[in-house]
């Protein structure tokens, strides 16, 4: 443990699909880390000034794409854009190799692209 009570092995990213998970794990995120939260806004009582937050209704967004179960892929797309670690072509190639259903490959590709777009839009809105 470091002096702040946060383990050196603490996560620098939290992907919270619901408020109970957010409440349970928000305190473990390293300062400077990221929280992606599946909600309209970050609950005020859980806000931390030392982490960056992207709170969006990811399940609703996935539902608009045709499948609410793709919310995790929308969130992953946003996280990939935040991290800048993998080019979309590499992600698409992995999806085509690992996902057996053409329907799900297409949906996952759209969900990932939507997540990337939503993060970029959030950056533009933050600048305004």
Protein backbone atom coordinates (compact mmCIF):
# COMPACT_ATOMS: atom_id res chain seq x y z
CA UNK A 1 0.00 0.00 0.00
CA UNK A 2 1.12 3.52 -0.65
CA UNK A 3 0.63 6.40 1.77
CA UNK A 4 -2.81 7.25 0.40
CA UNK A 5 -4.15 3.80 1.22
CA UNK A 6 -4.38 2.84 -2.46
CA UNK A 7 -2.50 -0.29 -3.40
CA UNK A 8 0.33 0.06 -5.91
CA UNK A 9 -1.51 -2.63 -7.88
CA UNK A 10 -4.70 -0.56 -7.91
CA UNK A 11 -6.42 -0.26 -11.28
CA UNK A 12 -6.00 2.84 -13.38
CA UNK A 13 -9.26 2.11 -15.21
CA UNK A 14 -12.67 1.21 -13.86
CA UNK A 15 -15.45 0.13 -16.21
CA UNK A 16 -18.63 0.23 -14.11
CA UNK A 17 -21.77 -1.13 -15.70
CA UNK A 18 -23.97 -0.10 -12.76
CA UNK A 19 -24.01 2.12 -9.68
CA UNK A 20 -23.42 -0.68 -7.12
CA UNK A 21 -20.20 -1.62 -8.96
CA UNK A 22 -19.20 2.02 -9.18
CA UNK A 23 -19.73 2.46 -5.43
CA UNK A 24 -17.78 -0.70 -4.65
CA UNK A 25 -14.71 0.03 -6.77
CA UNK A 26 -14.38 3.82 -7.30
CA UNK A 27 -12.09 4.20 -4.31
CA UNK A 28 -9.60 1.69 -5.74
CA UNK A 29 -8.83 3.64 -8.93
CA UNK A 30 -5.41 5.25 -8.98
CA UNK A 31 -5.27 9.04 -9.05
CA UNK A 32 -5.08 10.12 -12.69
CA UNK A 33 -6.99 7.02 -13.74
CA UNK A 34 -10.18 6.69 -15.72
CA UNK A 35 -13.73 5.72 -14.80
CA UNK A 36 -16.16 4.71 -17.54
CA UNK A 37 -19.63 4.63 -16.05
CA UNK A 38 -22.81 3.29 -17.63
CA UNK A 39 -25.06 6.12 -16.50
CA UNK A 40 -26.31 9.53 -17.56
CA UNK A 41 -24.00 11.30 -15.11
CA UNK A 42 -21.55 10.44 -12.39
CA UNK A 43 -23.37 10.37 -9.03
CA UNK A 44 -22.26 13.49 -7.21
CA UNK A 45 -21.46 11.64 -3.97
CA UNK A 46 -19.03 9.36 -5.84
CA UNK A 47 -17.20 12.04 -7.82
CA UNK A 48 -13.43 12.16 -7.41
CA UNK A 49 -11.50 15.19 -8.63
CA UNK A 50 -8.36 13.09 -9.13
CA UNK A 51 -9.80 10.76 -11.81
CA UNK A 52 -11.21 11.36 -15.26
CA UNK A 53 -14.76 10.22 -15.92
CA UNK A 54 -16.76 9.32 -19.00
CA UNK A 55 -20.36 8.77 -17.91
CA UNK A 56 -22.80 7.91 -20.68
CA UNK A 57 -25.89 5.70 -20.98
CA UNK A 58 -23.90 2.98 -22.76
CA UNK A 59 -26.69 0.39 -22.57
CA UNK A 60 -29.17 2.79 -24.14
CA UNK A 61 -26.65 3.67 -26.85
CA UNK A 62 -26.10 -0.03 -27.58
CA UNK A 63 -29.86 -0.56 -27.68
CA UNK A 64 -30.07 2.17 -30.33
CA UNK A 65 -27.49 0.19 -32.32
CA UNK A 66 -29.79 -2.83 -32.12
CA UNK A 67 -28.62 -4.79 -29.08
CA UNK A 68 -28.35 -3.58 -25.46
CA UNK A 69 -25.94 -6.45 -24.70
CA UNK A 70 -23.36 -4.63 -26.84
CA UNK A 71 -22.97 -1.92 -24.15
CA UNK A 72 -19.66 -3.44 -23.10
CA UNK A 73 -18.37 -3.08 -26.66
CA UNK A 74 -19.41 0.57 -26.81
CA UNK A 75 -17.52 1.09 -23.55
CA UNK A 76 -14.53 -0.81 -24.94
CA UNK A 77 -14.51 1.43 -28.01
CA UNK A 78 -14.37 4.51 -25.77
CA UNK A 79 -11.59 2.94 -23.72
CA UNK A 80 -9.60 2.05 -26.84
CA UNK A 81 -9.88 5.67 -27.99
CA UNK A 82 -8.83 6.95 -24.56
CA UNK A 83 -5.82 4.63 -24.43
CA UNK A 84 -4.85 5.09 -28.05
CA UNK A 85 -3.24 1.68 -27.79
CA UNK A 86 -4.72 -0.28 -30.68
CA UNK A 87 -5.58 0.79 -34.19
CA UNK A 88 -9.14 -0.02 -35.25
CA UNK A 89 -7.87 -2.33 -38.00
CA UNK A 90 -6.17 -4.57 -35.40
CA UNK A 91 -9.30 -4.67 -33.28
CA UNK A 92 -11.47 -5.50 -36.30
CA UNK A 93 -9.10 -8.30 -37.33
CA UNK A 94 -9.25 -9.79 -33.82
CA UNK A 95 -13.06 -9.60 -33.82
CA UNK A 96 -13.30 -11.38 -37.16
CA UNK A 97 -10.95 -14.07 -35.89
CA UNK A 98 -12.62 -14.60 -32.49
CA UNK A 99 -16.33 -13.91 -33.00
CA UNK A 100 -18.04 -16.67 -34.96
CA UNK A 101 -21.30 -14.91 -35.86
CA UNK A 102 -21.19 -12.42 -38.74
CA UNK A 103 -24.11 -10.57 -37.13
CA UNK A 104 -22.17 -10.06 -33.89
CA UNK A 105 -18.96 -9.08 -35.70
CA UNK A 106 -20.84 -6.35 -37.55
CA UNK A 107 -22.63 -5.21 -34.38
CA UNK A 108 -19.41 -5.24 -32.34
CA UNK A 109 -17.61 -3.21 -35.02
CA UNK A 110 -20.39 -0.60 -35.00
CA UNK A 111 -20.44 -0.56 -31.18
CA UNK A 112 -16.67 -0.06 -30.97
CA UNK A 113 -16.80 2.72 -33.56
CA UNK A 114 -19.66 4.38 -31.66
CA UNK A 115 -17.69 4.25 -28.41
CA UNK A 116 -14.66 5.82 -30.07
CA UNK A 117 -16.88 8.54 -31.57
CA UNK A 118 -18.58 9.26 -28.23
CA UNK A 119 -15.24 9.77 -26.50
CA UNK A 120 -14.03 12.13 -29.24
CA UNK A 121 -17.31 14.07 -28.98
CA UNK A 122 -16.90 14.32 -25.20
CA UNK A 123 -13.47 15.89 -25.75
CA UNK A 124 -14.92 18.49 -28.13
CA UNK A 125 -17.71 19.30 -25.67
CA UNK A 126 -15.18 19.71 -22.88
CA UNK A 127 -13.35 22.32 -24.93
CA UNK A 128 -16.48 24.43 -25.49
